[in-house]
């Protein structure tokens, strides 16, 4: 899809710095609004968590445990790639949220605005990470209430129960999903920025081919 932002990108392809054979183009020079953010601010994340708590109250939940990377990023802003070493966010009905992370994330997570963080280690043996997370939830005073979770498969549910045996586990996987459906002004601005960068990349690649003739995909990148 070609947009005005994409057309504007053609006019700034000369605004580039060179390093060896590479040329770095500056897409920000063609942004329709130079104040456009490349991420959502902490205040947005805190507002989103307040909205989550409103939904939790409707469902009589004392805590919500998020295991899906997209939902953790959506609510806390902590960007990560989900691997065999999972990461979890816990949103209590009151008080600060918490992040439970693998040891490899322990330094990075200290830089984030969520200050209640705890890391697990794979050494010296494998960790039953779901049980470990729910043990920490219980230690924070939420082990006897109603805890909302995502996709409580039988094996995962068993580990949750071992970690917080007094809790009532409630499937609340749709809670965050439904919030994704409606975008606010800040989210729309980020989406527009992403669309612009996509248009810019396509136009910059087209100009490169027009200038250099045949080129490999890596050369265009």
N, C-alpha and C. Protein backbone atom coordinates (compact mmCIF):
# COMPACT_ATOMS: atom_id res chain seq x y z
N UNK A 1 0.85 -1.18 0.00
CA UNK A 1 0.00 0.00 0.00
C UNK A 1 0.88 1.24 0.00
N UNK A 2 0.66 2.13 -0.93
CA UNK A 2 1.47 3.32 -1.04
C UNK A 2 0.72 4.48 -0.40
N UNK A 3 1.39 5.25 0.47
CA UNK A 3 0.77 6.37 1.15
C UNK A 3 1.57 7.63 0.91
N UNK A 4 1.03 8.76 1.39
CA UNK A 4 1.76 10.02 1.27
C UNK A 4 3.08 9.96 2.02
N UNK A 5 3.07 9.24 3.16
CA UNK A 5 4.31 9.11 3.92
C UNK A 5 5.35 8.36 3.11
N UNK A 6 4.91 7.32 2.39
CA UNK A 6 5.84 6.56 1.57
C UNK A 6 6.39 7.41 0.44
N UNK A 7 5.54 8.23 -0.17
CA UNK A 7 6.00 9.10 -1.24
C UNK A 7 7.01 10.11 -0.72
N UNK A 8 6.78 10.61 0.50
CA UNK A 8 7.70 11.57 1.09
C UNK A 8 9.08 10.96 1.31
N UNK A 9 9.11 9.64 1.54
CA UNK A 9 10.38 8.98 1.80
C UNK A 9 11.33 9.10 0.62
N UNK A 10 10.77 9.14 -0.59
CA UNK A 10 11.62 9.26 -1.77
C UNK A 10 12.45 10.53 -1.74
N UNK A 11 11.94 11.57 -1.10
CA UNK A 11 12.63 12.85 -1.11
C UNK A 11 13.75 12.91 -0.09
N UNK A 12 13.87 11.89 0.79
CA UNK A 12 14.90 11.96 1.82
C UNK A 12 15.90 10.83 1.70
N UNK A 13 15.86 10.07 0.60
CA UNK A 13 16.80 8.97 0.48
C UNK A 13 18.23 9.46 0.37
N UNK A 14 18.43 10.73 0.00
CA UNK A 14 19.78 11.27 -0.07
C UNK A 14 20.31 11.60 1.32
N UNK A 15 19.43 11.68 2.31
CA UNK A 15 19.84 11.98 3.67
C UNK A 15 20.34 10.71 4.32
N UNK A 16 21.59 10.35 4.03
CA UNK A 16 22.12 9.07 4.46
C UNK A 16 23.54 9.22 4.92
N UNK A 17 23.94 8.36 5.87
CA UNK A 17 25.34 8.31 6.28
C UNK A 17 25.93 7.01 5.76
N UNK A 18 27.21 7.04 5.44
CA UNK A 18 27.86 5.88 4.84
C UNK A 18 28.85 5.27 5.80
N UNK A 19 28.90 3.95 5.79
CA UNK A 19 29.92 3.21 6.55
C UNK A 19 30.32 2.02 5.72
N UNK A 20 31.53 2.09 5.13
CA UNK A 20 31.92 1.04 4.21
C UNK A 20 31.00 1.07 3.00
N UNK A 21 30.42 -0.08 2.67
CA UNK A 21 29.52 -0.15 1.53
C UNK A 21 28.07 0.06 1.90
N UNK A 22 27.78 0.30 3.19
CA UNK A 22 26.40 0.44 3.63
C UNK A 22 25.99 1.89 3.66
N UNK A 23 24.70 2.12 3.44
CA UNK A 23 24.14 3.47 3.55
C UNK A 23 22.97 3.41 4.52
N UNK A 24 23.02 4.25 5.52
CA UNK A 24 21.95 4.27 6.52
C UNK A 24 21.00 5.42 6.22
N UNK A 25 19.76 5.10 5.90
CA UNK A 25 18.76 6.11 5.61
C UNK A 25 18.07 6.54 6.89
N UNK A 26 17.58 7.75 6.90
CA UNK A 26 16.95 8.31 8.09
C UNK A 26 15.46 8.47 7.86
N UNK A 27 14.65 7.46 8.23
CA UNK A 27 13.21 7.56 7.99
C UNK A 27 12.54 8.64 8.82
N UNK A 28 13.14 9.03 9.96
CA UNK A 28 12.51 10.04 10.81
C UNK A 28 12.42 11.38 10.09
N UNK A 29 13.31 11.60 9.11
CA UNK A 29 13.27 12.87 8.38
C UNK A 29 11.98 13.04 7.60
N UNK A 30 11.29 11.94 7.30
CA UNK A 30 10.06 12.01 6.51
C UNK A 30 8.81 11.75 7.33
N UNK A 31 8.95 11.63 8.67
CA UNK A 31 7.77 11.39 9.49
C UNK A 31 6.82 12.58 9.39
N UNK A 32 5.53 12.33 9.23
CA UNK A 32 4.57 13.43 9.14
C UNK A 32 4.57 14.29 10.40
N UNK A 33 4.83 13.69 11.57
CA UNK A 33 4.89 14.43 12.83
C UNK A 33 6.20 14.06 13.52
N UNK A 34 7.17 14.99 13.61
CA UNK A 34 8.47 14.65 14.21
C UNK A 34 8.38 14.27 15.67
N UNK A 35 7.24 14.53 16.32
CA UNK A 35 7.08 14.17 17.73
C UNK A 35 6.64 12.72 17.92
N UNK A 36 6.46 12.01 16.82
CA UNK A 36 5.99 10.63 16.89
C UNK A 36 6.93 9.78 17.73
N UNK A 37 6.39 9.02 18.65
CA UNK A 37 7.18 8.13 19.50
C UNK A 37 7.44 6.81 18.79
N UNK A 38 8.52 6.14 19.20
CA UNK A 38 8.74 4.78 18.70
C UNK A 38 8.36 3.75 19.75
N UNK A 39 7.70 4.18 20.79
CA UNK A 39 7.24 3.26 21.83
C UNK A 39 6.23 3.97 22.72
N UNK A 40 5.50 3.20 23.51
CA UNK A 40 4.50 3.78 24.40
C UNK A 40 5.14 4.12 25.74
N UNK A 41 4.79 5.25 26.35
CA UNK A 41 5.43 5.69 27.59
C UNK A 41 4.97 4.88 28.80
N UNK A 42 5.74 5.00 29.88
CA UNK A 42 5.41 4.29 31.12
C UNK A 42 4.02 4.65 31.61
N UNK A 43 3.64 5.91 31.46
CA UNK A 43 2.31 6.34 31.92
C UNK A 43 1.21 5.57 31.20
N UNK A 44 1.43 5.24 29.92
CA UNK A 44 0.44 4.46 29.17
C UNK A 44 0.32 3.07 29.76
N UNK A 45 1.45 2.45 30.09
CA UNK A 45 1.43 1.10 30.67
C UNK A 45 0.70 1.10 32.01
N UNK A 46 0.96 2.11 32.81
CA UNK A 46 0.29 2.18 34.12
C UNK A 46 -1.21 2.39 33.96
N UNK A 47 -1.59 3.18 32.98
CA UNK A 47 -3.02 3.37 32.71
C UNK A 47 -3.65 2.07 32.25
N UNK A 48 -2.92 1.31 31.42
CA UNK A 48 -3.44 0.05 30.94
C UNK A 48 -3.63 -0.94 32.09
N UNK A 49 -2.70 -0.95 33.04
CA UNK A 49 -2.82 -1.84 34.19
C UNK A 49 -4.03 -1.46 35.03
N UNK A 50 -4.31 -0.17 35.15
CA UNK A 50 -5.53 0.24 35.87
C UNK A 50 -6.78 -0.28 35.17
N UNK A 51 -6.76 -0.27 33.85
CA UNK A 51 -7.90 -0.82 33.10
C UNK A 51 -8.01 -2.33 33.31
N UNK A 52 -6.87 -3.00 33.35
CA UNK A 52 -6.87 -4.45 33.63
C UNK A 52 -7.51 -4.71 34.99
N UNK A 53 -7.17 -3.90 35.97
CA UNK A 53 -7.72 -4.10 37.32
C UNK A 53 -9.22 -3.88 37.36
N UNK A 54 -9.72 -2.98 36.55
CA UNK A 54 -11.17 -2.79 36.48
C UNK A 54 -11.85 -4.06 35.98
N UNK A 55 -11.24 -4.69 34.96
CA UNK A 55 -11.78 -5.95 34.45
C UNK A 55 -11.64 -7.07 35.48
N UNK A 56 -10.52 -7.07 36.20
CA UNK A 56 -10.31 -8.09 37.24
C UNK A 56 -11.38 -7.97 38.32
N UNK A 57 -11.72 -6.74 38.68
CA UNK A 57 -12.74 -6.53 39.72
C UNK A 57 -14.09 -7.08 39.27
N UNK A 58 -14.41 -6.91 37.98
CA UNK A 58 -15.66 -7.44 37.46
C UNK A 58 -15.71 -8.96 37.57
N UNK A 59 -14.53 -9.60 37.50
CA UNK A 59 -14.47 -11.06 37.55
C UNK A 59 -14.07 -11.58 38.93
N UNK A 60 -13.96 -10.68 39.90
CA UNK A 60 -13.62 -11.06 41.27
C UNK A 60 -12.27 -11.79 41.32
N UNK A 61 -11.28 -11.24 40.62
CA UNK A 61 -9.94 -11.82 40.61
C UNK A 61 -9.02 -11.05 41.56
N UNK A 62 -8.25 -11.78 42.34
CA UNK A 62 -7.28 -11.16 43.24
C UNK A 62 -5.92 -10.93 42.58
N UNK A 63 -5.66 -11.66 41.51
CA UNK A 63 -4.41 -11.49 40.76
C UNK A 63 -4.61 -12.06 39.37
N UNK A 64 -3.78 -11.56 38.45
CA UNK A 64 -3.79 -12.06 37.08
C UNK A 64 -2.35 -12.39 36.70
N UNK A 65 -2.13 -13.64 36.28
CA UNK A 65 -0.79 -14.09 35.88
C UNK A 65 -0.75 -14.19 34.36
N UNK A 66 0.14 -13.43 33.75
CA UNK A 66 0.27 -13.40 32.30
C UNK A 66 1.54 -14.15 31.89
N UNK A 67 1.37 -15.07 30.93
CA UNK A 67 2.49 -15.87 30.44
C UNK A 67 2.77 -15.64 28.96
N UNK A 68 1.81 -15.06 28.24
CA UNK A 68 2.00 -14.78 26.82
C UNK A 68 2.85 -13.52 26.65
N UNK A 69 3.90 -13.61 25.83
CA UNK A 69 4.81 -12.47 25.65
C UNK A 69 4.06 -11.23 25.18
N UNK A 70 3.11 -11.39 24.24
CA UNK A 70 2.41 -10.22 23.71
C UNK A 70 1.60 -9.51 24.79
N UNK A 71 1.02 -10.25 25.71
CA UNK A 71 0.22 -9.63 26.76
C UNK A 71 1.10 -9.00 27.84
N UNK A 72 2.26 -9.60 28.09
CA UNK A 72 3.21 -9.00 29.04
C UNK A 72 3.73 -7.68 28.49
N UNK A 73 4.06 -7.66 27.20
CA UNK A 73 4.53 -6.43 26.56
C UNK A 73 3.42 -5.39 26.57
N UNK A 74 2.19 -5.82 26.29
CA UNK A 74 1.05 -4.91 26.21
C UNK A 74 0.79 -4.22 27.55
N UNK A 75 0.91 -4.94 28.65
CA UNK A 75 0.56 -4.39 29.95
C UNK A 75 1.73 -3.72 30.66
N UNK A 76 2.93 -4.27 30.54
CA UNK A 76 4.08 -3.72 31.27
C UNK A 76 5.07 -3.01 30.35
N UNK A 77 4.98 -3.25 29.04
CA UNK A 77 5.93 -2.66 28.11
C UNK A 77 7.26 -3.36 28.06
N UNK A 78 7.45 -4.41 28.87
CA UNK A 78 8.76 -5.09 28.89
C UNK A 78 8.87 -6.00 27.68
N UNK A 79 9.66 -5.57 26.69
CA UNK A 79 9.78 -6.32 25.44
C UNK A 79 10.77 -7.45 25.61
N UNK A 80 10.38 -8.63 25.15
CA UNK A 80 11.24 -9.81 25.20
C UNK A 80 10.75 -10.80 24.16
N UNK A 81 11.59 -11.75 23.86
CA UNK A 81 11.22 -12.83 22.95
C UNK A 81 11.00 -14.10 23.77
N UNK A 82 9.84 -14.69 23.60
CA UNK A 82 9.51 -15.90 24.36
C UNK A 82 10.35 -17.07 23.87
N UNK A 83 10.99 -17.77 24.81
CA UNK A 83 11.83 -18.93 24.48
C UNK A 83 11.42 -20.09 25.37
N UNK A 84 12.31 -21.10 25.45
CA UNK A 84 12.05 -22.21 26.37
C UNK A 84 12.19 -21.78 27.82
N UNK A 85 12.69 -20.56 28.03
CA UNK A 85 12.79 -20.00 29.38
C UNK A 85 11.72 -18.90 29.50
N UNK A 86 10.54 -19.25 29.95
CA UNK A 86 9.42 -18.30 29.93
C UNK A 86 9.59 -17.15 30.92
N UNK A 87 8.81 -16.12 30.68
CA UNK A 87 8.76 -14.92 31.52
C UNK A 87 7.31 -14.67 31.87
N UNK A 88 7.05 -14.21 33.07
CA UNK A 88 5.67 -14.00 33.51
C UNK A 88 5.53 -12.62 34.14
N UNK A 89 4.33 -12.05 34.01
CA UNK A 89 3.97 -10.82 34.71
C UNK A 89 2.78 -11.13 35.60
N UNK A 90 2.79 -10.57 36.80
CA UNK A 90 1.68 -10.75 37.74
C UNK A 90 1.11 -9.39 38.07
N UNK A 91 -0.18 -9.23 37.84
CA UNK A 91 -0.87 -7.99 38.17
C UNK A 91 -1.81 -8.27 39.34
N UNK A 92 -1.49 -7.78 40.53
CA UNK A 92 -2.37 -7.99 41.68
C UNK A 92 -3.53 -7.00 41.66
N UNK A 93 -4.54 -7.25 42.46
CA UNK A 93 -5.70 -6.36 42.49
C UNK A 93 -5.33 -4.99 43.04
N UNK A 94 -4.25 -4.91 43.80
CA UNK A 94 -3.73 -3.64 44.30
C UNK A 94 -2.22 -3.79 44.50
N UNK A 95 -1.53 -2.68 44.54
CA UNK A 95 -0.08 -2.75 44.70
C UNK A 95 0.63 -2.85 43.36
N UNK A 96 1.93 -3.02 43.44
CA UNK A 96 2.76 -3.02 42.24
C UNK A 96 2.71 -4.35 41.50
N UNK A 97 2.78 -4.32 40.17
CA UNK A 97 2.91 -5.56 39.40
C UNK A 97 4.29 -6.16 39.63
N UNK A 98 4.47 -7.41 39.22
CA UNK A 98 5.75 -8.09 39.37
C UNK A 98 6.11 -8.80 38.09
N UNK A 99 7.41 -8.91 37.84
CA UNK A 99 7.93 -9.65 36.70
C UNK A 99 8.79 -10.79 37.21
N UNK A 100 8.55 -11.99 36.69
CA UNK A 100 9.35 -13.17 37.03
C UNK A 100 10.05 -13.61 35.75
N UNK A 101 11.37 -13.61 35.78
CA UNK A 101 12.14 -13.74 34.55
C UNK A 101 13.22 -14.81 34.68
N UNK A 102 13.68 -15.36 33.55
CA UNK A 102 14.84 -16.26 33.59
C UNK A 102 16.10 -15.46 33.93
N UNK A 103 17.10 -16.16 34.44
CA UNK A 103 18.32 -15.50 34.85
C UNK A 103 18.98 -14.68 33.77
N UNK A 104 18.80 -15.08 32.51
CA UNK A 104 19.40 -14.35 31.40
C UNK A 104 18.83 -12.94 31.28
N UNK A 105 17.66 -12.70 31.85
CA UNK A 105 17.02 -11.38 31.78
C UNK A 105 17.27 -10.55 33.03
N UNK A 106 18.02 -11.09 34.00
CA UNK A 106 18.10 -10.46 35.32
C UNK A 106 18.70 -9.06 35.29
N UNK A 107 19.68 -8.80 34.43
CA UNK A 107 20.27 -7.46 34.34
C UNK A 107 19.35 -6.50 33.61
N UNK A 108 18.77 -6.96 32.51
CA UNK A 108 17.91 -6.10 31.70
C UNK A 108 16.67 -5.66 32.47
N UNK A 109 16.08 -6.57 33.23
CA UNK A 109 14.81 -6.25 33.90
C UNK A 109 15.02 -5.20 34.99
N UNK A 110 16.24 -5.07 35.52
CA UNK A 110 16.50 -4.05 36.54
C UNK A 110 16.38 -2.64 35.99
N UNK A 111 16.44 -2.50 34.68
CA UNK A 111 16.34 -1.18 34.05
C UNK A 111 14.89 -0.75 33.85
N UNK A 112 13.93 -1.68 34.12
CA UNK A 112 12.54 -1.40 33.79
C UNK A 112 11.83 -0.71 34.94
N UNK A 113 10.67 -0.13 34.65
CA UNK A 113 9.93 0.62 35.67
C UNK A 113 9.27 -0.28 36.69
N UNK A 114 9.02 -1.54 36.33
CA UNK A 114 8.48 -2.50 37.31
C UNK A 114 9.63 -2.92 38.23
N UNK A 115 9.53 -2.58 39.50
CA UNK A 115 10.65 -2.79 40.41
C UNK A 115 10.57 -4.12 41.17
N UNK A 116 9.39 -4.72 41.23
CA UNK A 116 9.27 -6.04 41.88
C UNK A 116 9.60 -7.10 40.84
N UNK A 117 10.85 -7.54 40.83
CA UNK A 117 11.33 -8.50 39.83
C UNK A 117 12.08 -9.62 40.54
N UNK A 118 11.96 -10.82 40.01
CA UNK A 118 12.67 -11.97 40.57
C UNK A 118 13.05 -12.90 39.43
N UNK A 119 14.25 -13.46 39.50
CA UNK A 119 14.77 -14.30 38.42
C UNK A 119 14.99 -15.73 38.89
N UNK A 120 14.81 -16.66 37.97
CA UNK A 120 15.12 -18.06 38.27
C UNK A 120 16.30 -18.50 37.43
N UNK A 121 16.98 -19.55 37.88
CA UNK A 121 18.16 -20.05 37.19
C UNK A 121 17.95 -21.49 36.76
N UNK A 122 18.50 -21.85 35.61
CA UNK A 122 18.44 -23.24 35.14
C UNK A 122 19.44 -24.13 35.85
N UNK A 123 20.42 -23.52 36.48
CA UNK A 123 21.51 -24.29 37.09
C UNK A 123 21.21 -24.55 38.55
N UNK A 124 21.46 -25.75 39.07
CA UNK A 124 22.16 -26.88 38.45
C UNK A 124 21.25 -27.85 37.70
N UNK A 125 19.94 -27.62 37.70
CA UNK A 125 19.04 -28.54 37.00
C UNK A 125 17.83 -27.80 36.49
N UNK A 126 16.94 -28.49 35.77
CA UNK A 126 15.76 -27.83 35.20
C UNK A 126 14.82 -27.31 36.28
N UNK A 127 14.16 -26.20 35.97
CA UNK A 127 13.25 -25.56 36.90
C UNK A 127 11.81 -25.80 36.44
N UNK A 128 10.94 -26.19 37.36
CA UNK A 128 9.51 -26.25 37.07
C UNK A 128 9.00 -24.82 37.16
N UNK A 129 9.17 -24.09 36.06
CA UNK A 129 9.02 -22.64 36.12
C UNK A 129 7.61 -22.18 36.47
N UNK A 130 6.57 -22.91 36.02
CA UNK A 130 5.21 -22.50 36.36
C UNK A 130 4.99 -22.63 37.86
N UNK A 131 5.43 -23.74 38.43
CA UNK A 131 5.32 -23.92 39.89
C UNK A 131 6.09 -22.84 40.62
N UNK A 132 7.30 -22.55 40.12
CA UNK A 132 8.16 -21.53 40.75
C UNK A 132 7.45 -20.18 40.76
N UNK A 133 6.82 -19.82 39.65
CA UNK A 133 6.12 -18.54 39.56
C UNK A 133 4.98 -18.47 40.56
N UNK A 134 4.20 -19.55 40.64
CA UNK A 134 3.04 -19.52 41.53
C UNK A 134 3.44 -19.60 43.00
N UNK A 135 4.57 -20.19 43.30
CA UNK A 135 5.10 -20.13 44.66
C UNK A 135 5.40 -18.68 45.04
N UNK A 136 5.94 -17.92 44.09
CA UNK A 136 6.24 -16.50 44.37
C UNK A 136 4.97 -15.67 44.48
N UNK A 137 3.97 -16.02 43.68
CA UNK A 137 2.68 -15.33 43.80
C UNK A 137 2.09 -15.57 45.19
N UNK A 138 2.17 -16.82 45.66
CA UNK A 138 1.64 -17.16 46.99
C UNK A 138 2.40 -16.42 48.08
N UNK A 139 3.72 -16.30 47.94
CA UNK A 139 4.53 -15.61 48.95
C UNK A 139 4.19 -14.12 49.02
N UNK A 140 3.63 -13.60 47.96
CA UNK A 140 3.24 -12.20 47.94
C UNK A 140 1.81 -12.00 48.42
N UNK A 141 1.25 -13.00 49.08
CA UNK A 141 -0.05 -12.88 49.73
C UNK A 141 -1.24 -13.13 48.83
N UNK A 142 -1.02 -13.73 47.64
CA UNK A 142 -2.12 -13.98 46.72
C UNK A 142 -2.46 -15.46 46.60
N UNK A 143 -1.86 -16.27 47.44
CA UNK A 143 -2.01 -17.72 47.30
C UNK A 143 -3.34 -18.28 47.73
N UNK A 144 -4.18 -17.49 48.39
CA UNK A 144 -5.46 -18.00 48.86
C UNK A 144 -6.65 -17.44 48.14
N UNK A 145 -6.40 -16.64 47.10
CA UNK A 145 -7.50 -15.98 46.41
C UNK A 145 -7.78 -16.59 45.04
N UNK A 146 -8.46 -15.80 44.21
CA UNK A 146 -8.79 -16.20 42.84
C UNK A 146 -7.73 -15.61 41.90
N UNK A 147 -7.06 -16.50 41.20
CA UNK A 147 -5.98 -16.08 40.31
C UNK A 147 -6.40 -16.36 38.87
N UNK A 148 -6.42 -15.32 38.05
CA UNK A 148 -6.72 -15.48 36.63
C UNK A 148 -5.47 -15.90 35.88
N UNK A 149 -5.62 -16.82 34.93
CA UNK A 149 -4.47 -17.34 34.18
C UNK A 149 -4.84 -17.47 32.71
N UNK A 150 -3.82 -17.70 31.88
CA UNK A 150 -4.00 -17.92 30.45
C UNK A 150 -3.75 -19.39 30.12
N UNK A 151 -4.64 -19.96 29.34
CA UNK A 151 -4.50 -21.34 28.85
C UNK A 151 -4.06 -22.33 29.94
N UNK A 152 -4.90 -22.58 30.91
CA UNK A 152 -4.54 -23.54 31.97
C UNK A 152 -4.67 -24.98 31.49
N UNK A 153 -3.71 -25.42 30.67
CA UNK A 153 -3.70 -26.82 30.22
C UNK A 153 -3.56 -27.73 31.43
N UNK A 154 -3.96 -29.01 31.31
CA UNK A 154 -3.89 -29.90 32.47
C UNK A 154 -2.51 -29.96 33.12
N UNK A 155 -1.44 -30.06 32.32
CA UNK A 155 -0.10 -30.15 32.90
C UNK A 155 0.29 -28.83 33.56
N UNK A 156 -0.05 -27.72 32.93
CA UNK A 156 0.29 -26.42 33.51
C UNK A 156 -0.54 -26.16 34.76
N UNK A 157 -1.82 -26.54 34.72
CA UNK A 157 -2.68 -26.35 35.88
C UNK A 157 -2.17 -27.13 37.09
N UNK A 158 -1.66 -28.32 36.85
CA UNK A 158 -1.11 -29.13 37.95
C UNK A 158 0.05 -28.41 38.62
N UNK A 159 0.92 -27.78 37.82
CA UNK A 159 2.06 -27.06 38.38
C UNK A 159 1.60 -25.79 39.12
N UNK A 160 0.55 -25.14 38.60
CA UNK A 160 0.01 -23.97 39.28
C UNK A 160 -0.51 -24.35 40.66
N UNK A 161 -1.21 -25.48 40.73
CA UNK A 161 -1.77 -25.94 42.00
C UNK A 161 -0.68 -26.31 43.00
N UNK A 162 0.42 -26.88 42.50
CA UNK A 162 1.53 -27.21 43.38
C UNK A 162 2.17 -25.95 43.95
N UNK A 163 2.21 -24.90 43.15
CA UNK A 163 2.82 -23.65 43.61
C UNK A 163 1.93 -22.83 44.52
N UNK A 164 0.62 -22.88 44.30
CA UNK A 164 -0.33 -22.11 45.11
C UNK A 164 -1.54 -22.99 45.38
N UNK A 165 -1.37 -23.93 46.30
CA UNK A 165 -2.37 -24.98 46.52
C UNK A 165 -3.69 -24.45 47.06
N UNK A 166 -3.68 -23.29 47.72
CA UNK A 166 -4.91 -22.76 48.31
C UNK A 166 -5.67 -21.83 47.36
N UNK A 167 -5.09 -21.56 46.19
CA UNK A 167 -5.71 -20.60 45.27
C UNK A 167 -6.78 -21.27 44.42
N UNK A 168 -7.71 -20.46 43.95
CA UNK A 168 -8.69 -20.89 42.95
C UNK A 168 -8.21 -20.37 41.60
N UNK A 169 -7.90 -21.28 40.70
CA UNK A 169 -7.37 -20.90 39.40
C UNK A 169 -8.53 -20.70 38.42
N UNK A 170 -8.57 -19.53 37.77
CA UNK A 170 -9.66 -19.16 36.88
C UNK A 170 -9.10 -18.87 35.49
N UNK A 171 -9.71 -19.45 34.48
CA UNK A 171 -9.29 -19.18 33.11
C UNK A 171 -9.73 -17.76 32.73
N UNK A 172 -8.75 -16.87 32.54
CA UNK A 172 -9.05 -15.48 32.17
C UNK A 172 -8.26 -15.08 30.94
N UNK A 173 -8.04 -16.02 30.04
CA UNK A 173 -7.24 -15.76 28.86
C UNK A 173 -7.82 -14.71 27.93
N UNK A 174 -9.15 -14.51 28.01
CA UNK A 174 -9.78 -13.55 27.11
C UNK A 174 -9.74 -12.12 27.63
N UNK A 175 -9.31 -11.93 28.88
CA UNK A 175 -9.37 -10.61 29.49
C UNK A 175 -8.50 -9.61 28.72
N UNK A 176 -7.23 -9.94 28.53
CA UNK A 176 -6.32 -9.04 27.82
C UNK A 176 -6.63 -9.05 26.32
N UNK A 177 -7.01 -10.20 25.81
CA UNK A 177 -7.31 -10.31 24.37
C UNK A 177 -8.37 -9.31 23.96
N UNK A 178 -9.42 -9.18 24.76
CA UNK A 178 -10.50 -8.25 24.43
C UNK A 178 -10.03 -6.80 24.49
N UNK A 179 -9.07 -6.51 25.36
CA UNK A 179 -8.56 -5.15 25.46
C UNK A 179 -7.76 -4.76 24.22
N UNK A 180 -7.13 -5.77 23.59
CA UNK A 180 -6.37 -5.51 22.36
C UNK A 180 -7.28 -4.99 21.24
N UNK A 181 -8.54 -5.33 21.28
CA UNK A 181 -9.43 -5.05 20.16
C UNK A 181 -9.65 -3.56 19.92
N UNK A 182 -9.64 -2.77 21.00
CA UNK A 182 -9.92 -1.34 20.90
C UNK A 182 -8.63 -0.56 21.09
N UNK A 183 -8.23 0.23 20.07
CA UNK A 183 -6.99 0.99 20.13
C UNK A 183 -7.28 2.44 20.54
N UNK A 184 -6.44 2.97 21.43
CA UNK A 184 -6.58 4.38 21.79
C UNK A 184 -5.69 5.23 20.88
N UNK A 185 -5.69 6.53 21.12
CA UNK A 185 -4.95 7.44 20.26
C UNK A 185 -3.46 7.16 20.22
N UNK A 186 -2.86 6.83 21.36
CA UNK A 186 -1.42 6.54 21.41
C UNK A 186 -1.09 5.30 20.58
N UNK A 187 -1.92 4.28 20.68
CA UNK A 187 -1.68 3.06 19.91
C UNK A 187 -1.81 3.33 18.41
N UNK A 188 -2.81 4.11 18.04
CA UNK A 188 -3.00 4.43 16.62
C UNK A 188 -1.80 5.19 16.08
N UNK A 189 -1.25 6.09 16.89
CA UNK A 189 -0.07 6.84 16.45
C UNK A 189 1.11 5.89 16.21
N UNK A 190 1.30 4.92 17.09
CA UNK A 190 2.38 3.94 16.92
C UNK A 190 2.15 3.12 15.65
N UNK A 191 0.91 2.72 15.41
CA UNK A 191 0.59 1.95 14.21
C UNK A 191 0.88 2.77 12.95
N UNK A 192 0.55 4.06 12.98
CA UNK A 192 0.83 4.92 11.83
C UNK A 192 2.34 5.04 11.60
N UNK A 193 3.08 5.12 12.70
CA UNK A 193 4.54 5.19 12.58
C UNK A 193 5.07 3.91 11.94
N UNK A 194 4.54 2.76 12.35
CA UNK A 194 4.96 1.49 11.77
C UNK A 194 4.62 1.41 10.29
N UNK A 195 3.43 1.90 9.91
CA UNK A 195 3.04 1.91 8.50
C UNK A 195 3.97 2.81 7.69
N UNK A 196 4.33 3.95 8.27
CA UNK A 196 5.23 4.86 7.59
C UNK A 196 6.60 4.20 7.36
N UNK A 197 7.14 3.57 8.41
CA UNK A 197 8.45 2.93 8.28
C UNK A 197 8.41 1.81 7.24
N UNK A 198 7.29 1.09 7.17
CA UNK A 198 7.14 0.04 6.16
C UNK A 198 7.15 0.65 4.76
N UNK A 199 6.37 1.72 4.56
CA UNK A 199 6.34 2.40 3.26
C UNK A 199 7.73 2.93 2.90
N UNK A 200 8.39 3.52 3.90
CA UNK A 200 9.71 4.08 3.67
C UNK A 200 10.69 3.00 3.21
N UNK A 201 10.64 1.84 3.88
CA UNK A 201 11.56 0.75 3.53
C UNK A 201 11.34 0.26 2.11
N UNK A 202 10.07 0.13 1.72
CA UNK A 202 9.75 -0.33 0.36
C UNK A 202 10.25 0.68 -0.67
N UNK A 203 9.99 1.97 -0.42
CA UNK A 203 10.42 2.99 -1.37
C UNK A 203 11.94 3.09 -1.42
N UNK A 204 12.60 2.98 -0.26
CA UNK A 204 14.06 3.04 -0.24
C UNK A 204 14.66 1.87 -1.02
N UNK A 205 14.06 0.68 -0.88
CA UNK A 205 14.54 -0.48 -1.64
C UNK A 205 14.33 -0.29 -3.13
N UNK A 206 13.19 0.31 -3.52
CA UNK A 206 12.91 0.56 -4.93
C UNK A 206 13.94 1.54 -5.51
N UNK A 207 14.23 2.61 -4.76
CA UNK A 207 15.22 3.59 -5.22
C UNK A 207 16.60 2.95 -5.35
N UNK A 208 16.95 2.07 -4.42
CA UNK A 208 18.25 1.39 -4.47
C UNK A 208 18.38 0.57 -5.75
N UNK A 209 17.32 -0.16 -6.07
CA UNK A 209 17.35 -0.99 -7.29
C UNK A 209 17.41 -0.10 -8.54
N UNK A 210 16.64 0.98 -8.53
CA UNK A 210 16.68 1.89 -9.67
C UNK A 210 18.07 2.50 -9.87
N UNK A 211 18.78 2.71 -8.77
CA UNK A 211 20.09 3.34 -8.83
C UNK A 211 21.19 2.35 -9.17
N UNK A 212 21.10 1.13 -8.60
CA UNK A 212 22.18 0.16 -8.71
C UNK A 212 21.91 -0.97 -9.70
N UNK A 213 20.71 -1.05 -10.23
CA UNK A 213 20.38 -2.16 -11.12
C UNK A 213 20.13 -3.42 -10.33
N UNK A 214 20.48 -4.57 -10.90
CA UNK A 214 20.26 -5.84 -10.22
C UNK A 214 20.97 -5.85 -8.87
N UNK A 215 20.29 -6.35 -7.85
CA UNK A 215 20.86 -6.38 -6.50
C UNK A 215 20.29 -7.57 -5.75
N UNK A 216 21.08 -8.12 -4.83
CA UNK A 216 20.59 -9.21 -3.99
C UNK A 216 19.75 -8.64 -2.85
N UNK A 217 18.99 -9.53 -2.23
CA UNK A 217 18.15 -9.08 -1.11
C UNK A 217 19.01 -8.51 0.02
N UNK A 218 20.15 -9.16 0.29
CA UNK A 218 21.03 -8.67 1.36
C UNK A 218 21.59 -7.29 1.04
N UNK A 219 21.90 -7.05 -0.23
CA UNK A 219 22.40 -5.73 -0.62
C UNK A 219 21.33 -4.66 -0.39
N UNK A 220 20.09 -4.99 -0.71
CA UNK A 220 18.99 -4.04 -0.48
C UNK A 220 18.82 -3.79 1.01
N UNK A 221 18.88 -4.86 1.81
CA UNK A 221 18.74 -4.69 3.25
C UNK A 221 19.87 -3.83 3.81
